[in-house]
Amino acid sequence: MQIPLFIQSANAPIELIINLKKAIMKRKKVLHSCLLLILFMANTAFSQSSAEYKLKIEKINKEMAQNMLEGNTEKNLSLYTTDAISMPSYEPMLEGIAAIRKSNEEMMKSGMKITSFEPVIVKVMVSGNMITEIGTYKMSMTMPGMDKLMEDHGKYITIWEKQKDGSLKVKIDTWNTDVNPMSMMK
């Protein structure tokens, strides 16, 4: 019959406790290393997604800018969800594609023509199927009765919704100018 180790030695209880502590510490180090690895991998995956979405959004923004220059409202509206919300400067909130269309049609009837539009993405944040784009813009436009171009620059936020087919559509957008509108009227 074999005598258990902890009975064989007077120091056995102390050695047992020391060995248990070592085993626990070793497991903690392994768990800590695994946790760090998982967090690193998750952060890398998130960064890659943000970078990928940024490229995708930049491409859509170029398309939207071209549509604006051509006055092609319908093409731009096809890039919005049907229940989109738009919050333009100096106007009430627009809910739904019909309200956004009406606002764009009124702008076109006023004779305003956009001659340049340059959005610059500052940050892209991903949360599930929603992607938030934060950026700045520069634009110029002509208005009937004005001799010179009106220049504008400001900031915007667009919340994109990832569709079932992987495409992105505008769910919510808002923007406002950094320029005092009264200074443009001089």
N, C-alpha and C. Protein backbone atom coordinates (compact mmCIF):
# COMPACT_ATOMS: atom_id res chain seq x y z
N MET A 1 0.83 -1.17 0.00
CA MET A 1 0.00 0.00 0.00
C MET A 1 0.88 1.24 0.00
N GLN A 2 0.46 2.19 -0.84
CA GLN A 2 1.26 3.40 -0.94
C GLN A 2 0.67 4.46 -0.03
N ILE A 3 1.56 5.19 0.66
CA ILE A 3 1.14 6.24 1.58
C ILE A 3 1.05 7.55 0.79
N PRO A 4 -0.07 8.28 0.93
CA PRO A 4 -0.19 9.54 0.22
C PRO A 4 0.96 10.49 0.53
N LEU A 5 1.35 11.27 -0.46
CA LEU A 5 2.50 12.16 -0.34
C LEU A 5 2.36 13.13 0.82
N PHE A 6 1.19 13.69 1.01
CA PHE A 6 1.07 14.70 2.06
C PHE A 6 1.24 14.11 3.46
N ILE A 7 1.12 12.78 3.62
CA ILE A 7 1.33 12.15 4.92
C ILE A 7 2.80 11.80 5.09
N GLN A 8 3.56 11.59 4.01
CA GLN A 8 4.94 11.16 4.08
C GLN A 8 5.85 12.23 4.65
N SER A 9 5.49 13.48 4.57
CA SER A 9 6.41 14.53 4.99
C SER A 9 5.69 15.47 5.94
N ALA A 10 6.45 16.00 6.86
CA ALA A 10 5.90 16.97 7.81
C ALA A 10 5.57 18.28 7.10
N ASN A 11 6.31 18.55 6.04
CA ASN A 11 6.08 19.78 5.26
C ASN A 11 5.05 19.58 4.16
N ALA A 12 4.45 18.43 4.11
CA ALA A 12 3.53 18.10 3.02
C ALA A 12 2.40 19.11 2.85
N PRO A 13 1.70 19.54 3.90
CA PRO A 13 0.62 20.51 3.69
C PRO A 13 1.12 21.82 3.09
N ILE A 14 2.30 22.25 3.50
CA ILE A 14 2.86 23.49 2.96
C ILE A 14 3.22 23.29 1.49
N GLU A 15 3.86 22.15 1.18
CA GLU A 15 4.24 21.85 -0.21
C GLU A 15 3.00 21.74 -1.08
N LEU A 16 1.95 21.14 -0.55
CA LEU A 16 0.71 21.00 -1.29
C LEU A 16 0.12 22.38 -1.62
N ILE A 17 0.12 23.26 -0.65
CA ILE A 17 -0.39 24.61 -0.85
C ILE A 17 0.46 25.35 -1.87
N ILE A 18 1.77 25.23 -1.78
CA ILE A 18 2.68 25.90 -2.73
C ILE A 18 2.44 25.37 -4.13
N ASN A 19 2.32 24.05 -4.26
CA ASN A 19 2.08 23.46 -5.59
C ASN A 19 0.72 23.89 -6.16
N LEU A 20 -0.29 23.97 -5.30
CA LEU A 20 -1.60 24.44 -5.75
C LEU A 20 -1.52 25.89 -6.22
N LYS A 21 -0.80 26.74 -5.45
CA LYS A 21 -0.64 28.14 -5.84
C LYS A 21 0.06 28.24 -7.19
N LYS A 22 1.11 27.44 -7.39
CA LYS A 22 1.84 27.46 -8.66
C LYS A 22 0.93 27.05 -9.82
N ALA A 23 0.13 26.02 -9.59
CA ALA A 23 -0.78 25.55 -10.64
C ALA A 23 -1.83 26.63 -10.97
N ILE A 24 -2.35 27.27 -9.93
CA ILE A 24 -3.33 28.33 -10.14
C ILE A 24 -2.71 29.50 -10.88
N MET A 25 -1.50 29.89 -10.48
CA MET A 25 -0.82 31.01 -11.15
C MET A 25 -0.54 30.69 -12.61
N LYS A 26 -0.15 29.43 -12.89
CA LYS A 26 0.12 29.02 -14.26
C LYS A 26 -1.16 29.11 -15.10
N ARG A 27 -2.27 28.66 -14.53
CA ARG A 27 -3.54 28.72 -15.25
C ARG A 27 -3.97 30.17 -15.46
N LYS A 28 -3.75 31.03 -14.47
CA LYS A 28 -4.11 32.44 -14.62
C LYS A 28 -3.31 33.07 -15.75
N LYS A 29 -2.02 32.74 -15.83
CA LYS A 29 -1.18 33.30 -16.90
C LYS A 29 -1.67 32.83 -18.25
N VAL A 30 -2.04 31.57 -18.36
CA VAL A 30 -2.54 31.03 -19.63
C VAL A 30 -3.86 31.72 -19.99
N LEU A 31 -4.77 31.84 -19.02
CA LEU A 31 -6.05 32.49 -19.27
C LEU A 31 -5.85 33.96 -19.65
N HIS A 32 -4.94 34.63 -18.95
CA HIS A 32 -4.65 36.04 -19.23
C HIS A 32 -4.11 36.19 -20.65
N SER A 33 -3.20 35.32 -21.04
CA SER A 33 -2.63 35.35 -22.40
C SER A 33 -3.72 35.09 -23.44
N CYS A 34 -4.60 34.14 -23.18
CA CYS A 34 -5.69 33.85 -24.11
C CYS A 34 -6.63 35.05 -24.25
N LEU A 35 -6.94 35.67 -23.13
CA LEU A 35 -7.81 36.83 -23.15
C LEU A 35 -7.19 37.97 -23.96
N LEU A 36 -5.91 38.22 -23.75
CA LEU A 36 -5.22 39.26 -24.51
C LEU A 36 -5.23 38.95 -26.00
N LEU A 37 -5.01 37.70 -26.36
CA LEU A 37 -5.02 37.29 -27.75
C LEU A 37 -6.41 37.51 -28.37
N ILE A 38 -7.45 37.13 -27.64
CA ILE A 38 -8.82 37.32 -28.13
C ILE A 38 -9.13 38.80 -28.33
N LEU A 39 -8.74 39.64 -27.37
CA LEU A 39 -8.98 41.08 -27.50
C LEU A 39 -8.21 41.66 -28.68
N PHE A 40 -6.99 41.23 -28.88
CA PHE A 40 -6.19 41.69 -30.01
C PHE A 40 -6.84 41.30 -31.33
N MET A 41 -7.30 40.05 -31.41
CA MET A 41 -7.93 39.57 -32.64
C MET A 41 -9.23 40.32 -32.91
N ALA A 42 -10.01 40.57 -31.86
CA ALA A 42 -11.27 41.30 -32.03
C ALA A 42 -10.99 42.73 -32.49
N ASN A 43 -10.00 43.37 -31.91
CA ASN A 43 -9.65 44.73 -32.29
C ASN A 43 -9.16 44.77 -33.74
N THR A 44 -8.38 43.80 -34.13
CA THR A 44 -7.89 43.73 -35.51
C THR A 44 -9.06 43.55 -36.47
N ALA A 45 -9.98 42.67 -36.14
CA ALA A 45 -11.14 42.43 -37.00
C ALA A 45 -11.98 43.70 -37.10
N PHE A 46 -12.16 44.41 -35.99
CA PHE A 46 -12.93 45.65 -36.00
C PHE A 46 -12.25 46.69 -36.88
N SER A 47 -10.93 46.84 -36.72
CA SER A 47 -10.18 47.81 -37.52
C SER A 47 -10.30 47.49 -39.00
N GLN A 48 -10.18 46.22 -39.34
CA GLN A 48 -10.29 45.83 -40.74
C GLN A 48 -11.68 46.17 -41.26
N SER A 49 -12.71 45.91 -40.48
CA SER A 49 -14.06 46.22 -40.92
C SER A 49 -14.23 47.72 -41.13
N SER A 50 -13.73 48.53 -40.20
CA SER A 50 -13.84 49.98 -40.35
C SER A 50 -13.12 50.45 -41.61
N ALA A 51 -11.93 49.92 -41.84
CA ALA A 51 -11.16 50.30 -43.03
C ALA A 51 -11.87 49.88 -44.30
N GLU A 52 -12.43 48.67 -44.29
CA GLU A 52 -13.16 48.18 -45.46
C GLU A 52 -14.40 49.03 -45.72
N TYR A 53 -15.12 49.35 -44.66
CA TYR A 53 -16.32 50.18 -44.82
C TYR A 53 -15.94 51.59 -45.29
N LYS A 54 -14.84 52.11 -44.80
CA LYS A 54 -14.41 53.44 -45.23
C LYS A 54 -14.20 53.46 -46.75
N LEU A 55 -13.52 52.45 -47.27
CA LEU A 55 -13.29 52.37 -48.72
C LEU A 55 -14.62 52.28 -49.48
N LYS A 56 -15.51 51.47 -48.96
CA LYS A 56 -16.82 51.29 -49.60
C LYS A 56 -17.60 52.62 -49.60
N ILE A 57 -17.58 53.32 -48.48
CA ILE A 57 -18.31 54.58 -48.35
C ILE A 57 -17.67 55.66 -49.23
N GLU A 58 -16.34 55.69 -49.29
CA GLU A 58 -15.68 56.66 -50.16
C GLU A 58 -16.15 56.50 -51.61
N LYS A 59 -16.28 55.24 -52.04
CA LYS A 59 -16.74 54.97 -53.41
C LYS A 59 -18.18 55.48 -53.60
N ILE A 60 -19.05 55.21 -52.62
CA ILE A 60 -20.44 55.67 -52.72
C ILE A 60 -20.49 57.20 -52.69
N ASN A 61 -19.66 57.82 -51.84
CA ASN A 61 -19.65 59.28 -51.76
C ASN A 61 -19.25 59.91 -53.10
N LYS A 62 -18.29 59.30 -53.79
CA LYS A 62 -17.91 59.81 -55.12
C LYS A 62 -19.09 59.73 -56.08
N GLU A 63 -19.79 58.61 -56.02
CA GLU A 63 -20.98 58.44 -56.86
C GLU A 63 -22.04 59.48 -56.52
N MET A 64 -22.27 59.69 -55.22
CA MET A 64 -23.28 60.67 -54.80
C MET A 64 -22.88 62.08 -55.22
N ALA A 65 -21.60 62.42 -55.10
CA ALA A 65 -21.13 63.75 -55.51
C ALA A 65 -21.37 63.95 -57.00
N GLN A 66 -21.06 62.94 -57.79
CA GLN A 66 -21.28 63.02 -59.25
C GLN A 66 -22.76 63.20 -59.55
N ASN A 67 -23.61 62.46 -58.85
CA ASN A 67 -25.06 62.60 -59.03
C ASN A 67 -25.53 64.00 -58.69
N MET A 68 -24.95 64.59 -57.63
CA MET A 68 -25.32 65.96 -57.24
C MET A 68 -24.94 66.94 -58.33
N LEU A 69 -23.74 66.79 -58.89
CA LEU A 69 -23.27 67.69 -59.95
C LEU A 69 -24.15 67.58 -61.20
N GLU A 70 -24.64 66.38 -61.46
CA GLU A 70 -25.50 66.14 -62.63
C GLU A 70 -26.97 66.47 -62.34
N GLY A 71 -27.29 66.73 -61.08
CA GLY A 71 -28.67 67.00 -60.70
C GLY A 71 -29.54 65.76 -60.72
N ASN A 72 -28.92 64.59 -60.55
CA ASN A 72 -29.65 63.33 -60.60
C ASN A 72 -30.10 62.91 -59.20
N THR A 73 -31.19 63.50 -58.77
CA THR A 73 -31.74 63.24 -57.43
C THR A 73 -32.15 61.78 -57.27
N GLU A 74 -32.78 61.21 -58.28
CA GLU A 74 -33.30 59.84 -58.15
C GLU A 74 -32.18 58.82 -57.90
N LYS A 75 -31.04 59.00 -58.56
CA LYS A 75 -29.92 58.08 -58.32
C LYS A 75 -29.46 58.16 -56.86
N ASN A 76 -29.38 59.39 -56.35
CA ASN A 76 -28.97 59.53 -54.95
C ASN A 76 -30.03 58.97 -54.00
N LEU A 77 -31.29 59.19 -54.31
CA LEU A 77 -32.35 58.67 -53.45
C LEU A 77 -32.36 57.15 -53.41
N SER A 78 -31.88 56.52 -54.46
CA SER A 78 -31.81 55.04 -54.46
C SER A 78 -30.77 54.53 -53.48
N LEU A 79 -29.94 55.43 -52.97
CA LEU A 79 -28.91 55.05 -51.99
C LEU A 79 -29.39 55.26 -50.55
N TYR A 80 -30.66 55.61 -50.39
CA TYR A 80 -31.27 55.81 -49.06
C TYR A 80 -32.24 54.66 -48.77
N THR A 81 -32.41 54.35 -47.48
CA THR A 81 -33.46 53.41 -47.09
C THR A 81 -34.80 54.12 -47.25
N THR A 82 -35.88 53.36 -47.40
CA THR A 82 -37.19 53.99 -47.60
C THR A 82 -37.63 54.79 -46.38
N ASP A 83 -37.15 54.40 -45.19
CA ASP A 83 -37.52 55.11 -43.97
C ASP A 83 -36.41 56.04 -43.47
N ALA A 84 -35.55 56.48 -44.39
CA ALA A 84 -34.42 57.33 -44.03
C ALA A 84 -34.89 58.63 -43.38
N ILE A 85 -34.00 59.20 -42.58
CA ILE A 85 -34.24 60.49 -41.94
C ILE A 85 -33.09 61.41 -42.36
N SER A 86 -33.44 62.60 -42.82
CA SER A 86 -32.44 63.59 -43.20
C SER A 86 -32.68 64.84 -42.36
N MET A 87 -31.59 65.41 -41.86
CA MET A 87 -31.69 66.60 -41.02
C MET A 87 -30.78 67.69 -41.58
N PRO A 88 -31.24 68.36 -42.65
CA PRO A 88 -30.42 69.39 -43.28
C PRO A 88 -30.39 70.68 -42.46
N SER A 89 -29.36 71.49 -42.73
CA SER A 89 -29.28 72.81 -42.10
C SER A 89 -30.47 73.65 -42.53
N TYR A 90 -30.99 74.45 -41.63
CA TYR A 90 -32.02 75.44 -41.90
C TYR A 90 -33.33 74.86 -42.43
N GLU A 91 -33.59 73.60 -42.17
CA GLU A 91 -34.85 72.98 -42.58
C GLU A 91 -35.32 72.06 -41.47
N PRO A 92 -36.62 71.75 -41.45
CA PRO A 92 -37.10 70.75 -40.49
C PRO A 92 -36.58 69.36 -40.87
N MET A 93 -36.66 68.47 -39.92
CA MET A 93 -36.27 67.08 -40.17
C MET A 93 -37.17 66.49 -41.25
N LEU A 94 -36.55 65.71 -42.14
CA LEU A 94 -37.28 65.06 -43.22
C LEU A 94 -37.34 63.57 -42.93
N GLU A 95 -38.55 63.02 -42.83
CA GLU A 95 -38.71 61.61 -42.53
C GLU A 95 -39.28 60.86 -43.72
N GLY A 96 -38.51 59.87 -44.19
CA GLY A 96 -38.96 59.04 -45.30
C GLY A 96 -38.47 59.57 -46.63
N ILE A 97 -38.39 58.68 -47.58
CA ILE A 97 -37.84 58.99 -48.89
C ILE A 97 -38.69 60.02 -49.64
N ALA A 98 -40.01 60.00 -49.43
CA ALA A 98 -40.89 60.96 -50.11
C ALA A 98 -40.59 62.39 -49.64
N ALA A 99 -40.38 62.58 -48.36
CA ALA A 99 -40.08 63.92 -47.82
C ALA A 99 -38.71 64.40 -48.30
N ILE A 100 -37.75 63.49 -48.37
CA ILE A 100 -36.42 63.86 -48.85
C ILE A 100 -36.48 64.23 -50.33
N ARG A 101 -37.24 63.46 -51.10
CA ARG A 101 -37.42 63.75 -52.54
C ARG A 101 -38.04 65.15 -52.72
N LYS A 102 -39.10 65.44 -51.97
CA LYS A 102 -39.78 66.72 -52.09
C LYS A 102 -38.83 67.88 -51.79
N SER A 103 -38.03 67.76 -50.75
CA SER A 103 -37.07 68.80 -50.40
C SER A 103 -36.05 69.01 -51.52
N ASN A 104 -35.56 67.91 -52.09
CA ASN A 104 -34.60 68.01 -53.20
C ASN A 104 -35.23 68.65 -54.42
N GLU A 105 -36.47 68.31 -54.71
CA GLU A 105 -37.18 68.90 -55.86
C GLU A 105 -37.35 70.41 -55.68
N GLU A 106 -37.68 70.83 -54.46
CA GLU A 106 -37.84 72.26 -54.18
C GLU A 106 -36.52 73.00 -54.35
N MET A 107 -35.43 72.37 -53.93
CA MET A 107 -34.12 72.98 -54.08
C MET A 107 -33.80 73.15 -55.57
N MET A 108 -34.09 72.11 -56.36
CA MET A 108 -33.83 72.17 -57.80
C MET A 108 -34.68 73.26 -58.47
N LYS A 109 -35.94 73.40 -58.04
CA LYS A 109 -36.83 74.43 -58.60
C LYS A 109 -36.34 75.84 -58.29
N SER A 110 -35.60 75.99 -57.16
CA SER A 110 -35.11 77.32 -56.78
C SER A 110 -34.02 77.81 -57.73
N GLY A 111 -33.47 76.90 -58.53
CA GLY A 111 -32.41 77.28 -59.46
C GLY A 111 -31.01 77.10 -58.92
N MET A 112 -30.91 76.66 -57.68
CA MET A 112 -29.58 76.42 -57.12
C MET A 112 -28.93 75.25 -57.87
N LYS A 113 -27.65 75.42 -58.19
CA LYS A 113 -26.92 74.36 -58.88
C LYS A 113 -25.60 74.13 -58.15
N ILE A 114 -25.36 72.91 -57.76
CA ILE A 114 -24.11 72.56 -57.10
C ILE A 114 -23.04 72.39 -58.19
N THR A 115 -21.92 73.09 -58.01
CA THR A 115 -20.85 73.03 -59.01
C THR A 115 -19.65 72.22 -58.54
N SER A 116 -19.54 72.01 -57.25
CA SER A 116 -18.50 71.10 -56.72
C SER A 116 -18.94 70.61 -55.36
N PHE A 117 -18.54 69.39 -55.04
CA PHE A 117 -18.84 68.81 -53.73
C PHE A 117 -17.74 67.82 -53.39
N GLU A 118 -17.06 68.05 -52.28
CA GLU A 118 -15.94 67.20 -51.87
C GLU A 118 -16.09 66.79 -50.40
N PRO A 119 -16.61 65.59 -50.15
CA PRO A 119 -16.66 65.09 -48.77
C PRO A 119 -15.33 64.44 -48.40
N VAL A 120 -14.94 64.56 -47.15
CA VAL A 120 -13.73 63.91 -46.63
C VAL A 120 -14.12 63.14 -45.37
N ILE A 121 -13.93 61.85 -45.40
CA ILE A 121 -14.26 61.03 -44.23
C ILE A 121 -13.18 61.22 -43.16
N VAL A 122 -13.63 61.54 -41.96
CA VAL A 122 -12.73 61.71 -40.83
C VAL A 122 -12.67 60.43 -39.99
N LYS A 123 -13.84 59.80 -39.83
CA LYS A 123 -13.90 58.61 -38.97
C LYS A 123 -15.06 57.72 -39.40
N VAL A 124 -14.84 56.41 -39.28
CA VAL A 124 -15.90 55.43 -39.54
C VAL A 124 -15.96 54.51 -38.33
N MET A 125 -17.17 54.32 -37.80
CA MET A 125 -17.37 53.45 -36.64
C MET A 125 -18.43 52.41 -36.99
N VAL A 126 -18.14 51.16 -36.64
CA VAL A 126 -19.04 50.07 -36.98
C VAL A 126 -19.67 49.52 -35.70
N SER A 127 -20.99 49.34 -35.75
CA SER A 127 -21.71 48.72 -34.64
C SER A 127 -22.81 47.85 -35.24
N GLY A 128 -22.54 46.56 -35.31
CA GLY A 128 -23.50 45.64 -35.91
C GLY A 128 -23.69 45.96 -37.37
N ASN A 129 -24.95 46.16 -37.79
CA ASN A 129 -25.21 46.46 -39.19
C ASN A 129 -25.33 47.96 -39.46
N MET A 130 -24.93 48.78 -38.49
CA MET A 130 -24.96 50.23 -38.64
C MET A 130 -23.51 50.76 -38.67
N ILE A 131 -23.24 51.61 -39.64
CA ILE A 131 -21.91 52.19 -39.80
C ILE A 131 -22.07 53.70 -39.75
N THR A 132 -21.34 54.33 -38.84
CA THR A 132 -21.41 55.78 -38.69
C THR A 132 -20.20 56.40 -39.38
N GLU A 133 -20.48 57.33 -40.27
CA GLU A 133 -19.45 58.07 -40.98
C GLU A 133 -19.48 59.51 -40.48
N ILE A 134 -18.33 60.02 -40.08
CA ILE A 134 -18.19 61.41 -39.65
C ILE A 134 -17.21 62.06 -40.61
N GLY A 135 -17.55 63.24 -41.11
CA GLY A 135 -16.65 63.86 -42.07
C GLY A 135 -16.84 65.36 -42.19
N THR A 136 -16.09 65.91 -43.13
CA THR A 136 -16.18 67.32 -43.46
C THR A 136 -16.48 67.43 -44.96
N TYR A 137 -16.94 68.60 -45.37
CA TYR A 137 -17.22 68.79 -46.79
C TYR A 137 -16.84 70.20 -47.21
N LYS A 138 -16.59 70.33 -48.50
CA LYS A 138 -16.43 71.63 -49.16
C LYS A 138 -17.32 71.56 -50.39
N MET A 139 -17.99 72.66 -50.68
CA MET A 139 -18.83 72.69 -51.87
C MET A 139 -18.94 74.11 -52.40
N SER A 140 -19.34 74.19 -53.65
CA SER A 140 -19.66 75.49 -54.24
C SER A 140 -20.95 75.32 -55.04
N MET A 141 -21.65 76.45 -55.20
CA MET A 141 -22.93 76.40 -55.89
C MET A 141 -23.22 77.77 -56.51
N THR A 142 -24.11 77.74 -57.47
CA THR A 142 -24.59 79.00 -58.06
C THR A 142 -26.06 79.15 -57.71
N MET A 143 -26.47 80.40 -57.66
CA MET A 143 -27.88 80.73 -57.39
C MET A 143 -28.31 81.77 -58.42
N PRO A 144 -29.54 81.70 -58.88
CA PRO A 144 -30.03 82.72 -59.82
C PRO A 144 -29.90 84.11 -59.20
N GLY A 145 -29.42 85.05 -60.01
CA GLY A 145 -29.31 86.44 -59.54
C GLY A 145 -28.02 86.73 -58.80
N MET A 146 -27.17 85.74 -58.62
CA MET A 146 -25.89 85.98 -57.93
C MET A 146 -24.77 85.85 -58.96
N ASP A 147 -23.86 86.83 -58.95
CA ASP A 147 -22.78 86.86 -59.93
C ASP A 147 -21.65 85.87 -59.63
N LYS A 148 -21.40 85.63 -58.36
CA LYS A 148 -20.25 84.77 -58.02
C LYS A 148 -20.71 83.46 -57.37
N LEU A 149 -19.78 82.49 -57.39
CA LEU A 149 -20.05 81.20 -56.74
C LEU A 149 -20.20 81.40 -55.24
N MET A 150 -21.08 80.63 -54.66
CA MET A 150 -21.19 80.58 -53.20
C MET A 150 -20.33 79.41 -52.74
N GLU A 151 -19.45 79.66 -51.80
CA GLU A 151 -18.58 78.61 -51.25
C GLU A 151 -19.11 78.23 -49.88
N ASP A 152 -19.04 76.97 -49.57
CA ASP A 152 -19.48 76.49 -48.26
C ASP A 152 -18.56 75.36 -47.80
N HIS A 153 -18.43 75.22 -46.51
CA HIS A 153 -17.72 74.08 -45.92
C HIS A 153 -18.32 73.82 -44.55
N GLY A 154 -18.27 72.56 -44.15
CA GLY A 154 -18.87 72.20 -42.86
C GLY A 154 -18.57 70.77 -42.49
N LYS A 155 -19.44 70.21 -41.67
CA LYS A 155 -19.25 68.83 -41.19
C LYS A 155 -20.56 68.08 -41.32
N TYR A 156 -20.45 66.74 -41.29
CA TYR A 156 -21.63 65.90 -41.47
C TYR A 156 -21.48 64.59 -40.72
N ILE A 157 -22.61 63.95 -40.50
CA ILE A 157 -22.66 62.58 -39.98
C ILE A 157 -23.67 61.83 -40.85
N THR A 158 -23.25 60.67 -41.30
CA THR A 158 -24.15 59.78 -42.04
C THR A 158 -24.14 58.43 -41.34
N ILE A 159 -25.31 57.91 -41.07
CA ILE A 159 -25.42 56.56 -40.52
C ILE A 159 -25.92 55.67 -41.65
N TRP A 160 -25.07 54.71 -41.97
CA TRP A 160 -25.37 53.77 -43.05
C TRP A 160 -25.92 52.49 -42.45
N GLU A 161 -26.84 51.87 -43.16
CA GLU A 161 -27.38 50.57 -42.74
C GLU A 161 -26.95 49.52 -43.76
N LYS A 162 -26.33 48.47 -43.25
CA LYS A 162 -25.92 47.37 -44.13
C LYS A 162 -27.17 46.58 -44.51
N GLN A 163 -27.34 46.38 -45.81
CA GLN A 163 -28.50 45.66 -46.34
C GLN A 163 -28.21 44.16 -46.40
N LYS A 164 -29.25 43.37 -46.58
CA LYS A 164 -29.09 41.91 -46.64
C LYS A 164 -28.13 41.47 -47.73
N ASP A 165 -28.08 42.22 -48.84
CA ASP A 165 -27.18 41.86 -49.94
C ASP A 165 -25.75 42.38 -49.74
N GLY A 166 -25.49 43.03 -48.59
CA GLY A 166 -24.15 43.54 -48.28
C GLY A 166 -23.94 44.99 -48.68
N SER A 167 -24.87 45.56 -49.44
CA SER A 167 -24.74 46.97 -49.84
C SER A 167 -25.04 47.87 -48.64
N LEU A 168 -24.70 49.13 -48.78
CA LEU A 168 -24.96 50.12 -47.73
C LEU A 168 -25.97 51.14 -48.26
N LYS A 169 -26.86 51.55 -47.37
CA LYS A 169 -27.81 52.61 -47.70
C LYS A 169 -27.84 53.61 -46.55
N VAL A 170 -28.10 54.86 -46.90
CA VAL A 170 -28.17 55.92 -45.90
C VAL A 170 -29.44 55.73 -45.08
N LYS A 171 -29.27 55.64 -43.78
CA LYS A 171 -30.40 55.53 -42.85
C LYS A 171 -30.72 56.90 -42.24
N ILE A 172 -29.66 57.63 -41.87
CA ILE A 172 -29.81 58.95 -41.26
C ILE A 172 -28.65 59.82 -41.74
N ASP A 173 -28.95 61.06 -42.11
CA ASP A 173 -27.85 61.99 -42.40
C ASP A 173 -28.18 63.37 -41.86
N THR A 174 -27.12 64.07 -41.51
CA THR A 174 -27.25 65.46 -41.07
C THR A 174 -25.96 66.18 -41.40
N TRP A 175 -26.07 67.45 -41.63
CA TRP A 175 -24.90 68.26 -41.91
C TRP A 175 -25.19 69.69 -41.52
N ASN A 176 -24.13 70.44 -41.28
CA ASN A 176 -24.30 71.86 -41.09
C ASN A 176 -23.02 72.58 -41.48
N THR A 177 -23.22 73.83 -41.82
CA THR A 177 -22.14 74.66 -42.35
C THR A 177 -21.26 75.24 -41.24
N ASP A 178 -20.02 75.50 -41.59
CA ASP A 178 -19.12 76.24 -40.70
C ASP A 178 -19.11 77.72 -41.08
N VAL A 179 -19.85 78.06 -42.14
CA VAL A 179 -19.85 79.42 -42.68
C VAL A 179 -21.13 80.13 -42.25
N ASN A 180 -20.99 81.36 -41.82
CA ASN A 180 -22.15 82.17 -41.49
C ASN A 180 -22.90 82.47 -42.79
N PRO A 181 -24.14 82.03 -42.92
CA PRO A 181 -24.87 82.22 -44.19
C PRO A 181 -25.03 83.69 -44.58
N MET A 182 -25.05 84.55 -43.62
CA MET A 182 -25.22 85.97 -43.93
C MET A 182 -23.99 86.50 -44.67
N SER A 183 -22.82 85.92 -44.38
CA SER A 183 -21.60 86.37 -45.05
C SER A 183 -21.61 85.97 -46.53
N MET A 184 -22.34 84.90 -46.86
CA MET A 184 -22.43 84.48 -48.27
C MET A 184 -23.33 85.41 -49.08
N MET A 185 -24.18 86.15 -48.42
CA MET A 185 -25.14 87.01 -49.11
C MET A 185 -24.54 88.36 -49.49
N LYS A 186 -23.36 88.68 -48.99
CA LYS A 186 -22.74 90.00 -49.25
C LYS A 186 -22.24 90.12 -50.65
